[in-house]
All heavy atoms as atom14 arrays in JSON, in Angstrom:
{
  "sequence": "VAGFIGFHVAIKLLERGDTVVGVDNLNDYYDVGLKQSRLDI",
  "atom14_mask": [
    [1, 1, 1, 1, 1, 1, 1, 0, 0, 0, 0, 0, 0, 0],
    [1, 1, 1, 1, 1, 0, 0, 0, 0, 0, 0, 0, 0, 0],
    [1, 1, 1, 1, 0, 0, 0, 0, 0, 0, 0, 0, 0, 0],
    [1, 1, 1, 1, 1, 1, 1, 1, 1, 1, 1, 0, 0, 0],
    [1, 1, 1, 1, 1, 1, 1, 1, 0, 0, 0, 0, 0, 0],
    [1, 1, 1, 1, 0, 0, 0, 0, 0, 0, 0, 0, 0, 0],
    [1, 1, 1, 1, 1, 1, 1, 1, 1, 1, 1, 0, 0, 0],
    [1, 1, 1, 1, 1, 1, 1, 1, 1, 1, 0, 0, 0, 0],
    [1, 1, 1, 1, 1, 1, 1, 0, 0, 0, 0, 0, 0, 0],
    [1, 1, 1, 1, 1, 0, 0, 0, 0, 0, 0, 0, 0, 0],
    [1, 1, 1, 1, 1, 1, 1, 1, 0, 0, 0, 0, 0, 0],
    [1, 1, 1, 1, 1, 1, 1, 1, 1, 0, 0, 0, 0, 0],
    [1, 1, 1, 1, 1, 1, 1, 1, 0, 0, 0, 0, 0, 0],
    [1, 1, 1, 1, 1, 1, 1, 1, 0, 0, 0, 0, 0, 0],
    [1, 1, 1, 1, 1, 1, 1, 1, 1, 0, 0, 0, 0, 0],
    [1, 1, 1, 1, 1, 1, 1, 1, 1, 1, 1, 0, 0, 0],
    [1, 1, 1, 1, 0, 0, 0, 0, 0, 0, 0, 0, 0, 0],
    [1, 1, 1, 1, 1, 1, 1, 1, 0, 0, 0, 0, 0, 0],
    [1, 1, 1, 1, 1, 1, 1, 0, 0, 0, 0, 0, 0, 0],
    [1, 1, 1, 1, 1, 1, 1, 0, 0, 0, 0, 0, 0, 0],
    [1, 1, 1, 1, 1, 1, 1, 0, 0, 0, 0, 0, 0, 0],
    [1, 1, 1, 1, 0, 0, 0, 0, 0, 0, 0, 0, 0, 0],
    [1, 1, 1, 1, 1, 1, 1, 0, 0, 0, 0, 0, 0, 0],
    [1, 1, 1, 1, 1, 1, 1, 1, 0, 0, 0, 0, 0, 0],
    [1, 1, 1, 1, 1, 1, 1, 1, 0, 0, 0, 0, 0, 0],
    [1, 1, 1, 1, 1, 1, 1, 1, 0, 0, 0, 0, 0, 0],
    [1, 1, 1, 1, 1, 1, 1, 1, 0, 0, 0, 0, 0, 0],
    [1, 1, 1, 1, 1, 1, 1, 1, 0, 0, 0, 0, 0, 0],
    [1, 1, 1, 1, 1, 1, 1, 1, 1, 1, 1, 1, 0, 0],
    [1, 1, 1, 1, 1, 1, 1, 1, 1, 1, 1, 1, 0, 0],
    [1, 1, 1, 1, 1, 1, 1, 1, 0, 0, 0, 0, 0, 0],
    [1, 1, 1, 1, 1, 1, 1, 0, 0, 0, 0, 0, 0, 0],
    [1, 1, 1, 1, 0, 0, 0, 0, 0, 0, 0, 0, 0, 0],
    [1, 1, 1, 1, 1, 1, 1, 1, 0, 0, 0, 0, 0, 0],
    [1, 1, 1, 1, 1, 1, 1, 1, 1, 0, 0, 0, 0, 0],
    [1, 1, 1, 1, 1, 1, 1, 1, 1, 0, 0, 0, 0, 0],
    [1, 1, 1, 1, 1, 1, 0, 0, 0, 0, 0, 0, 0, 0],
    [1, 1, 1, 1, 1, 1, 1, 1, 1, 1, 1, 0, 0, 0],
    [1, 1, 1, 1, 1, 1, 1, 1, 0, 0, 0, 0, 0, 0],
    [1, 1, 1, 1, 1, 1, 1, 1, 0, 0, 0, 0, 0, 0],
    [1, 1, 1, 1, 1, 1, 1, 1, 0, 0, 0, 0, 0, 0]
  ],
  "atom14_positions": [
    [[3.03, -2.55, -2.14], [1.8, -2.26, -1.46], [1.69, -0.74, -1.09], [0.55, -0.27, -0.92], [1.5, -3.2, -0.29], [2.41, -2.78, 0.88], [0.02, -3.19, 0.09], [0.0, 0.0, 0.0], [0.0, 0.0, 0.0], [0.0, 0.0, 0.0], [0.0, 0.0, 0.0], [0.0, 0.0, 0.0], [0.0, 0.0, 0.0], [0.0, 0.0, 0.0]],
    [[2.79, -0.12, -0.86], [2.76, 1.28, -0.49], [2.78, 2.21, -1.65], [2.81, 3.42, -1.6], [3.97, 1.66, 0.37], [0.0, 0.0, 0.0], [0.0, 0.0, 0.0], [0.0, 0.0, 0.0], [0.0, 0.0, 0.0], [0.0, 0.0, 0.0], [0.0, 0.0, 0.0], [0.0, 0.0, 0.0], [0.0, 0.0, 0.0], [0.0, 0.0, 0.0]],
    [[2.78, 1.58, -2.9], [2.73, 2.35, -4.13], [1.36, 2.7, -4.52], [0.38, 2.21, -3.88], [0.0, 0.0, 0.0], [0.0, 0.0, 0.0], [0.0, 0.0, 0.0], [0.0, 0.0, 0.0], [0.0, 0.0, 0.0], [0.0, 0.0, 0.0], [0.0, 0.0, 0.0], [0.0, 0.0, 0.0], [0.0, 0.0, 0.0], [0.0, 0.0, 0.0]],
    [[1.2, 3.44, -5.61], [-0.04, 3.92, -6.1], [-1.07, 2.8, -6.36], [-2.16, 2.77, -5.72], [0.18, 4.76, -7.33], [-1.01, 5.32, -8.04], [-2.18, 5.58, -7.36], [-0.93, 5.51, -9.44], [-3.32, 6.13, -8.0], [-2.08, 6.06, -10.06], [-3.24, 6.3, -9.42], [0.0, 0.0, 0.0], [0.0, 0.0, 0.0], [0.0, 0.0, 0.0]],
    [[-0.76, 1.89, -7.24], [-1.65, 0.84, -7.63], [-1.76, -0.17, -6.51], [-2.83, -0.67, -6.19], [-1.24, 0.23, -8.93], [-1.26, 1.24, -10.09], [-2.21, -0.86, -9.29], [-0.75, 0.8, -11.42], [0.0, 0.0, 0.0], [0.0, 0.0, 0.0], [0.0, 0.0, 0.0], [0.0, 0.0, 0.0], [0.0, 0.0, 0.0], [0.0, 0.0, 0.0]],
    [[-0.62, -0.58, -5.91], [-0.62, -1.6, -4.88], [-1.5, -1.24, -3.75], [-2.21, -2.11, -3.15], [0.0, 0.0, 0.0], [0.0, 0.0, 0.0], [0.0, 0.0, 0.0], [0.0, 0.0, 0.0], [0.0, 0.0, 0.0], [0.0, 0.0, 0.0], [0.0, 0.0, 0.0], [0.0, 0.0, 0.0], [0.0, 0.0, 0.0], [0.0, 0.0, 0.0]],
    [[-1.48, 0.01, -3.27], [-2.38, 0.47, -2.18], [-3.81, 0.23, -2.5], [-4.6, -0.3, -1.71], [-2.05, 1.97, -2.0], [-3.14, 2.77, -1.31], [-3.4, 2.6, 0.05], [-3.87, 3.71, -2.04], [-4.44, 3.35, 0.63], [-4.87, 4.44, -1.44], [-5.18, 4.26, -0.03], [0.0, 0.0, 0.0], [0.0, 0.0, 0.0], [0.0, 0.0, 0.0]],
    [[-4.23, 0.64, -3.74], [-5.63, 0.45, -4.09], [-6.01, -0.98, -4.25], [-7.14, -1.35, -3.89], [-5.86, 1.22, -5.38], [-5.98, 2.75, -5.23], [-7.1, 3.4, -4.75], [-5.07, 3.74, -5.48], [-6.83, 4.71, -4.76], [-5.64, 4.94, -5.2], [0.0, 0.0, 0.0], [0.0, 0.0, 0.0], [0.0, 0.0, 0.0], [0.0, 0.0, 0.0]],
    [[-5.13, -1.79, -4.79], [-5.42, -3.2, -4.92], [-5.61, -3.87, -3.51], [-6.51, -4.65, -3.27], [-4.35, -3.93, -5.71], [-4.47, -5.47, -5.61], [-4.35, -3.52, -7.2], [0.0, 0.0, 0.0], [0.0, 0.0, 0.0], [0.0, 0.0, 0.0], [0.0, 0.0, 0.0], [0.0, 0.0, 0.0], [0.0, 0.0, 0.0], [0.0, 0.0, 0.0]],
    [[-4.68, -3.5, -2.57], [-4.78, -4.06, -1.24], [-6.14, -3.7, -0.62], [-6.82, -4.61, 0.07], [-3.66, -3.56, -0.38], [0.0, 0.0, 0.0], [0.0, 0.0, 0.0], [0.0, 0.0, 0.0], [0.0, 0.0, 0.0], [0.0, 0.0, 0.0], [0.0, 0.0, 0.0], [0.0, 0.0, 0.0], [0.0, 0.0, 0.0], [0.0, 0.0, 0.0]],
    [[-6.63, -2.47, -0.74], [-7.91, -2.04, -0.21], [-9.0, -2.86, -0.81], [-9.96, -3.37, -0.06], [-8.12, -0.57, -0.51], [-7.14, 0.34, 0.29], [-9.55, -0.15, -0.18], [-7.45, 0.33, 1.83], [0.0, 0.0, 0.0], [0.0, 0.0, 0.0], [0.0, 0.0, 0.0], [0.0, 0.0, 0.0], [0.0, 0.0, 0.0], [0.0, 0.0, 0.0]],
    [[-8.99, -3.09, -2.12], [-9.96, -3.82, -2.82], [-10.08, -5.3, -2.31], [-11.16, -5.85, -2.05], [-9.75, -3.84, -4.35], [-10.75, -4.57, -5.13], [-12.07, -3.83, -5.36], [-12.88, -4.44, -6.41], [-14.12, -3.73, -6.63], [0.0, 0.0, 0.0], [0.0, 0.0, 0.0], [0.0, 0.0, 0.0], [0.0, 0.0, 0.0], [0.0, 0.0, 0.0]],
    [[-8.91, -5.87, -2.16], [-8.87, -7.22, -1.71], [-9.35, -7.37, -0.22], [-10.05, -8.34, 0.11], [-7.47, -7.81, -1.76], [-6.96, -8.0, -3.25], [-5.46, -8.42, -3.21], [-7.74, -8.98, -4.03], [0.0, 0.0, 0.0], [0.0, 0.0, 0.0], [0.0, 0.0, 0.0], [0.0, 0.0, 0.0], [0.0, 0.0, 0.0], [0.0, 0.0, 0.0]],
    [[-9.01, -6.44, 0.61], [-9.47, -6.39, 1.94], [-10.98, -6.26, 2.02], [-11.63, -6.93, 2.86], [-8.82, -5.31, 2.82], [-7.35, -5.5, 3.13], [-6.74, -4.26, 3.82], [-7.13, -6.73, 4.07], [0.0, 0.0, 0.0], [0.0, 0.0, 0.0], [0.0, 0.0, 0.0], [0.0, 0.0, 0.0], [0.0, 0.0, 0.0], [0.0, 0.0, 0.0]],
    [[-11.57, -5.41, 1.24], [-12.96, -5.15, 1.14], [-13.73, -6.47, 0.87], [-14.89, -6.62, 1.36], [-13.33, -4.07, 0.15], [-12.92, -2.65, 0.67], [-13.2, -1.61, -0.44], [-13.41, -1.98, -1.55], [-13.06, -0.41, -0.08], [0.0, 0.0, 0.0], [0.0, 0.0, 0.0], [0.0, 0.0, 0.0], [0.0, 0.0, 0.0], [0.0, 0.0, 0.0]],
    [[-13.19, -7.34, 0.07], [-13.91, -8.51, -0.2], [-13.57, -9.73, 0.72], [-14.07, -10.77, 0.49], [-13.72, -8.88, -1.68], [-12.32, -9.4, -2.05], [-12.22, -9.79, -3.55], [-11.16, -10.74, -3.76], [-11.01, -11.39, -4.89], [-11.91, -11.19, -5.88], [-10.03, -12.18, -5.1], [0.0, 0.0, 0.0], [0.0, 0.0, 0.0], [0.0, 0.0, 0.0]],
    [[-12.75, -9.47, 1.67], [-12.47, -10.46, 2.67], [-11.22, -11.29, 2.52], [-11.02, -12.22, 3.3], [0.0, 0.0, 0.0], [0.0, 0.0, 0.0], [0.0, 0.0, 0.0], [0.0, 0.0, 0.0], [0.0, 0.0, 0.0], [0.0, 0.0, 0.0], [0.0, 0.0, 0.0], [0.0, 0.0, 0.0], [0.0, 0.0, 0.0], [0.0, 0.0, 0.0]],
    [[-10.35, -10.97, 1.55], [-9.07, -11.65, 1.49], [-8.13, -11.25, 2.54], [-8.25, -10.17, 3.21], [-8.43, -11.34, 0.11], [-9.18, -12.02, -1.08], [-9.77, -13.07, -0.85], [-9.13, -11.43, -2.16], [0.0, 0.0, 0.0], [0.0, 0.0, 0.0], [0.0, 0.0, 0.0], [0.0, 0.0, 0.0], [0.0, 0.0, 0.0], [0.0, 0.0, 0.0]],
    [[-7.15, -12.15, 2.87], [-6.05, -11.78, 3.71], [-4.89, -11.29, 2.82], [-4.56, -11.92, 1.83], [-5.57, -13.1, 4.46], [-6.6, -13.49, 5.34], [-4.33, -12.75, 5.32], [0.0, 0.0, 0.0], [0.0, 0.0, 0.0], [0.0, 0.0, 0.0], [0.0, 0.0, 0.0], [0.0, 0.0, 0.0], [0.0, 0.0, 0.0], [0.0, 0.0, 0.0]],
    [[-4.37, -10.1, 3.15], [-3.4, -9.48, 2.32], [-2.04, -9.31, 3.07], [-2.05, -8.79, 4.18], [-3.91, -8.05, 1.85], [-2.8, -7.4, 1.02], [-5.18, -8.19, 1.02], [0.0, 0.0, 0.0], [0.0, 0.0, 0.0], [0.0, 0.0, 0.0], [0.0, 0.0, 0.0], [0.0, 0.0, 0.0], [0.0, 0.0, 0.0], [0.0, 0.0, 0.0]],
    [[-1.02, -9.8, 2.45], [0.33, -9.55, 2.92], [0.98, -8.54, 2.02], [1.24, -8.8, 0.89], [1.14, -10.86, 3.0], [2.58, -10.55, 3.49], [0.52, -11.89, 3.84], [0.0, 0.0, 0.0], [0.0, 0.0, 0.0], [0.0, 0.0, 0.0], [0.0, 0.0, 0.0], [0.0, 0.0, 0.0], [0.0, 0.0, 0.0], [0.0, 0.0, 0.0]],
    [[1.18, -7.33, 2.53], [1.76, -6.28, 1.77], [3.24, -6.18, 1.88], [3.72, -6.21, 3.01], [0.0, 0.0, 0.0], [0.0, 0.0, 0.0], [0.0, 0.0, 0.0], [0.0, 0.0, 0.0], [0.0, 0.0, 0.0], [0.0, 0.0, 0.0], [0.0, 0.0, 0.0], [0.0, 0.0, 0.0], [0.0, 0.0, 0.0], [0.0, 0.0, 0.0]],
    [[3.89, -6.11, 0.84], [5.37, -6.02, 0.81], [5.85, -4.8, 0.06], [5.35, -4.39, -1.0], [6.01, -7.34, 0.11], [7.53, -7.24, 0.01], [5.5, -8.54, 0.75], [0.0, 0.0, 0.0], [0.0, 0.0, 0.0], [0.0, 0.0, 0.0], [0.0, 0.0, 0.0], [0.0, 0.0, 0.0], [0.0, 0.0, 0.0], [0.0, 0.0, 0.0]],
    [[6.79, -4.13, 0.65], [7.34, -2.87, 0.0], [8.69, -2.57, 0.65], [8.9, -2.8, 1.86], [6.41, -1.67, 0.22], [6.53, -0.62, -0.86], [7.62, 0.02, -0.89], [5.6, -0.42, -1.64], [0.0, 0.0, 0.0], [0.0, 0.0, 0.0], [0.0, 0.0, 0.0], [0.0, 0.0, 0.0], [0.0, 0.0, 0.0], [0.0, 0.0, 0.0]],
    [[9.63, -2.03, -0.13], [10.92, -1.61, 0.46], [10.93, -0.16, 0.87], [11.92, 0.32, 1.46], [12.1, -1.94, -0.5], [12.03, -1.07, -1.7], [11.19, -0.28, -1.94], [13.09, -1.26, -2.59], [0.0, 0.0, 0.0], [0.0, 0.0, 0.0], [0.0, 0.0, 0.0], [0.0, 0.0, 0.0], [0.0, 0.0, 0.0], [0.0, 0.0, 0.0]],
    [[9.86, 0.59, 0.63], [9.73, 1.97, 0.99], [10.89, 2.86, 0.56], [11.47, 3.64, 1.32], [9.51, 2.07, 2.53], [8.2, 1.47, 3.05], [8.13, 1.52, 4.57], [7.02, 2.1, 2.45], [0.0, 0.0, 0.0], [0.0, 0.0, 0.0], [0.0, 0.0, 0.0], [0.0, 0.0, 0.0], [0.0, 0.0, 0.0], [0.0, 0.0, 0.0]],
    [[11.37, 2.63, -0.67], [12.51, 3.37, -1.13], [12.14, 4.83, -1.32], [10.97, 5.23, -1.27], [13.16, 2.81, -2.4], [12.19, 2.94, -3.63], [11.52, 3.98, -3.79], [12.29, 1.95, -4.54], [0.0, 0.0, 0.0], [0.0, 0.0, 0.0], [0.0, 0.0, 0.0], [0.0, 0.0, 0.0], [0.0, 0.0, 0.0], [0.0, 0.0, 0.0]],
    [[13.18, 5.7, -1.49], [12.91, 7.08, -1.52], [12.97, 7.71, -2.91], [13.31, 8.89, -3.13], [13.99, 7.85, -0.67], [15.43, 7.67, -1.14], [15.63, 6.88, -2.14], [16.33, 8.2, -0.47], [0.0, 0.0, 0.0], [0.0, 0.0, 0.0], [0.0, 0.0, 0.0], [0.0, 0.0, 0.0], [0.0, 0.0, 0.0], [0.0, 0.0, 0.0]],
    [[12.62, 6.89, -3.95], [12.47, 7.39, -5.28], [11.5, 8.61, -5.35], [11.73, 9.5, -6.08], [11.97, 6.28, -6.23], [11.54, 6.77, -7.64], [12.46, 7.3, -8.48], [10.18, 6.67, -8.02], [12.08, 7.74, -9.75], [9.78, 7.1, -9.34], [10.8, 7.66, -10.15], [10.41, 8.1, -11.4], [0.0, 0.0, 0.0], [0.0, 0.0, 0.0]],
    [[10.4, 8.54, -4.56], [9.61, 9.72, -4.34], [9.2, 9.72, -2.83], [9.55, 8.82, -2.14], [8.4, 9.76, -5.3], [7.36, 8.72, -5.08], [6.37, 8.7, -4.12], [7.35, 7.54, -6.01], [5.44, 7.71, -4.0], [6.37, 6.59, -5.87], [5.39, 6.67, -4.92], [4.49, 5.68, -4.76], [0.0, 0.0, 0.0], [0.0, 0.0, 0.0]],
    [[8.53, 10.74, -2.41], [8.16, 10.99, -1.02], [7.74, 9.77, -0.27], [6.64, 9.25, -0.51], [7.09, 12.09, -0.98], [6.64, 12.44, 0.36], [7.39, 12.24, 1.31], [5.5, 12.96, 0.52], [0.0, 0.0, 0.0], [0.0, 0.0, 0.0], [0.0, 0.0, 0.0], [0.0, 0.0, 0.0], [0.0, 0.0, 0.0], [0.0, 0.0, 0.0]],
    [[8.58, 9.37, 0.71], [8.21, 8.23, 1.53], [7.08, 8.57, 2.39], [6.24, 7.66, 2.77], [9.44, 7.81, 2.4], [9.05, 6.65, 3.3], [10.61, 7.44, 1.48], [0.0, 0.0, 0.0], [0.0, 0.0, 0.0], [0.0, 0.0, 0.0], [0.0, 0.0, 0.0], [0.0, 0.0, 0.0], [0.0, 0.0, 0.0], [0.0, 0.0, 0.0]],
    [[6.85, 9.85, 2.73], [5.67, 10.27, 3.54], [4.36, 9.87, 2.87], [3.42, 9.51, 3.55], [0.0, 0.0, 0.0], [0.0, 0.0, 0.0], [0.0, 0.0, 0.0], [0.0, 0.0, 0.0], [0.0, 0.0, 0.0], [0.0, 0.0, 0.0], [0.0, 0.0, 0.0], [0.0, 0.0, 0.0], [0.0, 0.0, 0.0], [0.0, 0.0, 0.0]],
    [[4.31, 9.99, 1.56], [3.09, 9.66, 0.79], [2.87, 8.2, 0.93], [1.75, 7.67, 1.06], [3.23, 10.11, -0.67], [2.1, 9.69, -1.59], [0.75, 10.21, -1.08], [2.36, 10.13, -3.06], [0.0, 0.0, 0.0], [0.0, 0.0, 0.0], [0.0, 0.0, 0.0], [0.0, 0.0, 0.0], [0.0, 0.0, 0.0], [0.0, 0.0, 0.0]],
    [[3.93, 7.36, 0.76], [3.84, 5.96, 0.92], [3.35, 5.55, 2.27], [2.45, 4.65, 2.48], [5.19, 5.23, 0.6], [5.7, 5.52, -0.79], [7.05, 4.81, -1.01], [7.57, 5.09, -2.46], [8.85, 4.41, -2.69], [0.0, 0.0, 0.0], [0.0, 0.0, 0.0], [0.0, 0.0, 0.0], [0.0, 0.0, 0.0], [0.0, 0.0, 0.0]],
    [[3.85, 6.2, 3.25], [3.45, 5.89, 4.68], [2.01, 6.24, 4.88], [1.23, 5.59, 5.61], [4.28, 6.61, 5.67], [4.12, 6.19, 7.13], [4.29, 4.69, 7.35], [5.35, 4.16, 7.09], [3.27, 4.04, 7.86], [0.0, 0.0, 0.0], [0.0, 0.0, 0.0], [0.0, 0.0, 0.0], [0.0, 0.0, 0.0], [0.0, 0.0, 0.0]],
    [[1.61, 7.33, 4.28], [0.19, 7.8, 4.39], [-0.77, 6.69, 3.82], [-1.88, 6.46, 4.3], [-0.08, 9.13, 3.69], [0.63, 10.19, 4.32], [0.0, 0.0, 0.0], [0.0, 0.0, 0.0], [0.0, 0.0, 0.0], [0.0, 0.0, 0.0], [0.0, 0.0, 0.0], [0.0, 0.0, 0.0], [0.0, 0.0, 0.0], [0.0, 0.0, 0.0]],
    [[-0.36, 6.14, 2.65], [-1.17, 5.12, 2.03], [-1.29, 3.9, 3.03], [-2.36, 3.33, 3.24], [-0.56, 4.62, 0.69], [-0.58, 5.74, -0.39], [0.16, 5.18, -1.62], [0.21, 6.1, -2.71], [1.33, 6.31, -3.41], [2.43, 5.55, -3.13], [1.39, 7.22, -4.32], [0.0, 0.0, 0.0], [0.0, 0.0, 0.0], [0.0, 0.0, 0.0]],
    [[-0.15, 3.54, 3.65], [-0.15, 2.41, 4.59], [-1.0, 2.73, 5.78], [-1.71, 1.84, 6.32], [1.26, 2.11, 5.07], [2.22, 1.52, 3.99], [3.62, 1.3, 4.52], [1.66, 0.18, 3.47], [0.0, 0.0, 0.0], [0.0, 0.0, 0.0], [0.0, 0.0, 0.0], [0.0, 0.0, 0.0], [0.0, 0.0, 0.0], [0.0, 0.0, 0.0]],
    [[-1.04, 3.98, 6.19], [-1.86, 4.4, 7.37], [-3.37, 4.23, 6.99], [-4.14, 3.83, 7.88], [-1.57, 5.87, 7.65], [-0.22, 6.02, 8.33], [0.42, 5.05, 8.72], [0.29, 7.26, 8.37], [0.0, 0.0, 0.0], [0.0, 0.0, 0.0], [0.0, 0.0, 0.0], [0.0, 0.0, 0.0], [0.0, 0.0, 0.0], [0.0, 0.0, 0.0]],
    [[-3.7, 4.53, 5.82], [-5.11, 4.39, 5.3], [-5.49, 2.89, 5.38], [-6.57, 2.52, 5.87], [-5.32, 4.94, 3.93], [-5.12, 6.43, 3.86], [-6.69, 4.6, 3.38], [-6.15, 7.19, 4.71], [0.0, 0.0, 0.0], [0.0, 0.0, 0.0], [0.0, 0.0, 0.0], [0.0, 0.0, 0.0], [0.0, 0.0, 0.0], [0.0, 0.0, 0.0]]
  ]
}
């Protein structure tokens, strides 16, 4: 859910009223700060 596509999918599902459980291990393959920024949004 903190990834590129997962972030956008979660937003779309929330917008239409679904309950979303987001799962991510927040690994450091790339900038964890970007992943956290997506979660903040």
